[in-house]
């Protein structure tokens, strides 16, 4: 069973680009586009590649088999 890392946010939502920086997968906004192209990302089991995708509490983000839950 995969371990799900919980990611706490203080706002209503966080964009996928902001999320990638928040969990230290990219160091700048300029790296987000390339990261989205090179990695398999799903949000609630649906493939996603838009940096502006809004992530809300209880969304499940999977990046290269690692899972994160927004809380």
N, C-alpha and C. Protein backbone atom coordinates (compact mmCIF):
# COMPACT_ATOMS: atom_id res chain seq x y z
N UNK A 1 0.85 -1.19 0.00
CA UNK A 1 0.00 0.00 0.00
C UNK A 1 0.89 1.24 0.00
N UNK A 2 0.56 2.18 -0.87
CA UNK A 2 1.37 3.39 -1.01
C UNK A 2 1.14 4.33 0.17
N UNK A 3 2.20 5.00 0.55
CA UNK A 3 2.11 6.00 1.61
C UNK A 3 1.65 7.31 0.97
N UNK A 4 0.66 7.93 1.57
CA UNK A 4 0.15 9.20 1.06
C UNK A 4 0.66 10.32 1.96
N UNK A 5 1.38 11.26 1.36
CA UNK A 5 1.90 12.41 2.10
C UNK A 5 0.82 13.49 2.14
N UNK A 6 0.49 13.96 3.33
CA UNK A 6 -0.50 15.02 3.46
C UNK A 6 0.17 16.37 3.31
N UNK A 7 -0.44 17.23 2.50
CA UNK A 7 0.08 18.58 2.25
C UNK A 7 -0.98 19.56 2.72
N UNK A 8 -0.66 20.33 3.75
CA UNK A 8 -1.61 21.28 4.31
C UNK A 8 -1.51 22.62 3.58
N UNK A 9 -2.67 23.16 3.20
CA UNK A 9 -2.71 24.49 2.59
C UNK A 9 -3.58 25.39 3.46
N UNK A 10 -3.29 26.69 3.41
CA UNK A 10 -4.02 27.66 4.24
C UNK A 10 -5.06 28.44 3.44
N UNK A 11 -5.09 28.24 2.13
CA UNK A 11 -6.03 28.97 1.29
C UNK A 11 -7.09 28.01 0.75
N UNK A 12 -8.05 28.55 0.00
CA UNK A 12 -9.13 27.72 -0.55
C UNK A 12 -8.58 26.68 -1.53
N UNK A 13 -7.57 27.09 -2.32
CA UNK A 13 -6.97 26.18 -3.29
C UNK A 13 -5.52 26.56 -3.53
N UNK A 14 -4.79 25.69 -4.21
CA UNK A 14 -3.43 25.96 -4.64
C UNK A 14 -3.33 25.45 -6.07
N UNK A 15 -2.61 26.16 -6.95
CA UNK A 15 -2.50 25.68 -8.32
C UNK A 15 -1.46 24.56 -8.38
N UNK A 16 -1.54 23.76 -9.42
CA UNK A 16 -0.60 22.67 -9.58
C UNK A 16 0.84 23.20 -9.63
N UNK A 17 1.07 24.31 -10.32
CA UNK A 17 2.41 24.90 -10.38
C UNK A 17 2.91 25.31 -9.00
N UNK A 18 2.04 25.94 -8.21
CA UNK A 18 2.41 26.34 -6.84
C UNK A 18 2.67 25.10 -5.99
N UNK A 19 1.85 24.08 -6.17
CA UNK A 19 2.01 22.84 -5.42
C UNK A 19 3.37 22.21 -5.68
N UNK A 20 3.79 22.16 -6.94
CA UNK A 20 5.09 21.56 -7.27
C UNK A 20 6.23 22.30 -6.58
N UNK A 21 6.13 23.63 -6.48
CA UNK A 21 7.15 24.40 -5.75
C UNK A 21 7.03 24.14 -4.25
N UNK A 22 5.81 24.07 -3.74
CA UNK A 22 5.56 23.88 -2.31
C UNK A 22 6.15 22.57 -1.79
N UNK A 23 6.09 21.52 -2.59
CA UNK A 23 6.62 20.22 -2.17
C UNK A 23 8.05 20.00 -2.68
N UNK A 24 8.69 21.06 -3.13
CA UNK A 24 10.10 21.05 -3.55
C UNK A 24 10.42 20.12 -4.71
N UNK A 25 9.48 19.97 -5.65
CA UNK A 25 9.78 19.19 -6.85
C UNK A 25 10.38 20.06 -7.94
N UNK A 26 10.11 21.36 -7.88
CA UNK A 26 10.76 22.34 -8.76
C UNK A 26 11.18 23.51 -7.88
N UNK A 27 12.19 24.24 -8.33
CA UNK A 27 12.67 25.36 -7.51
C UNK A 27 12.14 26.71 -8.00
N UNK A 28 11.61 26.75 -9.23
CA UNK A 28 11.08 28.01 -9.74
C UNK A 28 9.90 27.75 -10.67
N UNK A 29 9.13 28.79 -10.89
CA UNK A 29 7.99 28.67 -11.79
C UNK A 29 8.40 28.32 -13.20
N UNK A 30 9.58 28.73 -13.61
CA UNK A 30 10.07 28.44 -14.95
C UNK A 30 10.31 26.96 -15.19
N UNK A 31 10.51 26.20 -14.14
CA UNK A 31 10.76 24.76 -14.28
C UNK A 31 9.46 23.95 -14.36
N UNK A 32 8.34 24.56 -14.03
CA UNK A 32 7.08 23.83 -13.94
C UNK A 32 6.68 23.23 -15.28
N UNK A 33 6.73 24.00 -16.36
CA UNK A 33 6.29 23.51 -17.67
C UNK A 33 7.05 22.25 -18.07
N UNK A 34 8.37 22.28 -17.95
CA UNK A 34 9.18 21.12 -18.31
C UNK A 34 8.87 19.92 -17.41
N UNK A 35 8.68 20.18 -16.12
CA UNK A 35 8.36 19.11 -15.18
C UNK A 35 7.04 18.44 -15.58
N UNK A 36 6.05 19.25 -15.96
CA UNK A 36 4.75 18.70 -16.35
C UNK A 36 4.85 17.84 -17.60
N UNK A 37 5.74 18.19 -18.51
CA UNK A 37 5.93 17.42 -19.74
C UNK A 37 6.64 16.09 -19.45
N UNK A 38 7.62 16.12 -18.56
CA UNK A 38 8.49 14.97 -18.34
C UNK A 38 7.98 13.98 -17.30
N UNK A 39 6.93 14.31 -16.56
CA UNK A 39 6.48 13.45 -15.47
C UNK A 39 5.01 13.09 -15.61
N UNK A 40 4.65 11.91 -15.10
CA UNK A 40 3.26 11.47 -15.12
C UNK A 40 2.57 12.01 -13.86
N UNK A 41 1.55 12.84 -14.09
CA UNK A 41 0.84 13.47 -12.98
C UNK A 41 -0.66 13.22 -13.15
N UNK A 42 -1.29 12.80 -12.07
CA UNK A 42 -2.75 12.68 -12.07
C UNK A 42 -3.30 13.44 -10.88
N UNK A 43 -4.50 13.97 -11.06
CA UNK A 43 -5.24 14.62 -9.98
C UNK A 43 -6.57 13.90 -9.90
N UNK A 44 -6.82 13.26 -8.76
CA UNK A 44 -8.03 12.45 -8.58
C UNK A 44 -8.17 11.42 -9.71
N UNK A 45 -7.06 10.76 -10.03
CA UNK A 45 -6.98 9.68 -11.02
C UNK A 45 -7.15 10.13 -12.47
N UNK A 46 -7.14 11.45 -12.73
CA UNK A 46 -7.24 11.96 -14.10
C UNK A 46 -5.92 12.60 -14.48
N UNK A 47 -5.40 12.26 -15.67
CA UNK A 47 -4.14 12.83 -16.14
C UNK A 47 -4.25 14.36 -16.16
N UNK A 48 -3.17 15.02 -15.72
CA UNK A 48 -3.19 16.49 -15.65
C UNK A 48 -1.84 17.04 -16.09
N UNK A 49 -1.87 18.11 -16.91
CA UNK A 49 -0.62 18.75 -17.33
C UNK A 49 -0.74 20.28 -17.37
N UNK A 50 -1.78 20.82 -16.75
CA UNK A 50 -1.96 22.28 -16.73
C UNK A 50 -1.45 22.85 -15.41
N UNK A 51 -0.51 23.76 -15.49
CA UNK A 51 0.07 24.33 -14.27
C UNK A 51 -0.92 25.14 -13.47
N UNK A 52 -1.98 25.63 -14.11
CA UNK A 52 -2.98 26.43 -13.42
C UNK A 52 -4.12 25.62 -12.83
N UNK A 53 -4.06 24.30 -12.95
CA UNK A 53 -5.11 23.44 -12.38
C UNK A 53 -5.24 23.72 -10.89
N UNK A 54 -6.45 24.02 -10.45
CA UNK A 54 -6.67 24.33 -9.04
C UNK A 54 -6.83 23.04 -8.24
N UNK A 55 -6.09 22.95 -7.15
CA UNK A 55 -6.16 21.80 -6.26
C UNK A 55 -6.84 22.25 -4.97
N UNK A 56 -7.84 21.49 -4.56
CA UNK A 56 -8.62 21.82 -3.37
C UNK A 56 -8.39 20.76 -2.29
N UNK A 57 -8.85 21.04 -1.08
CA UNK A 57 -8.74 20.08 0.01
C UNK A 57 -9.37 18.75 -0.40
N UNK A 58 -8.74 17.67 0.00
CA UNK A 58 -9.14 16.29 -0.29
C UNK A 58 -8.80 15.83 -1.70
N UNK A 59 -8.21 16.69 -2.54
CA UNK A 59 -7.74 16.22 -3.84
C UNK A 59 -6.55 15.30 -3.63
N UNK A 60 -6.45 14.29 -4.48
CA UNK A 60 -5.34 13.35 -4.43
C UNK A 60 -4.48 13.55 -5.67
N UNK A 61 -3.22 13.92 -5.45
CA UNK A 61 -2.28 14.18 -6.53
C UNK A 61 -1.26 13.05 -6.54
N UNK A 62 -1.06 12.44 -7.69
CA UNK A 62 -0.09 11.36 -7.84
C UNK A 62 0.96 11.81 -8.86
N UNK A 63 2.22 11.81 -8.44
CA UNK A 63 3.32 12.22 -9.30
C UNK A 63 4.33 11.09 -9.33
N UNK A 64 4.46 10.45 -10.49
CA UNK A 64 5.38 9.32 -10.64
C UNK A 64 5.22 8.31 -9.51
N UNK A 65 4.00 7.90 -9.24
CA UNK A 65 3.67 6.88 -8.23
C UNK A 65 3.69 7.39 -6.79
N UNK A 66 4.16 8.61 -6.53
CA UNK A 66 4.11 9.15 -5.17
C UNK A 66 2.80 9.91 -5.02
N UNK A 67 2.11 9.69 -3.89
CA UNK A 67 0.81 10.29 -3.70
C UNK A 67 0.82 11.37 -2.62
N UNK A 68 0.04 12.44 -2.91
CA UNK A 68 -0.10 13.55 -1.97
C UNK A 68 -1.59 13.83 -1.82
N UNK A 69 -2.02 14.12 -0.60
CA UNK A 69 -3.40 14.51 -0.35
C UNK A 69 -3.41 15.94 0.15
N UNK A 70 -4.20 16.78 -0.48
CA UNK A 70 -4.32 18.18 -0.06
C UNK A 70 -5.25 18.23 1.14
N UNK A 71 -4.80 18.87 2.23
CA UNK A 71 -5.66 19.02 3.41
C UNK A 71 -5.53 20.41 3.98
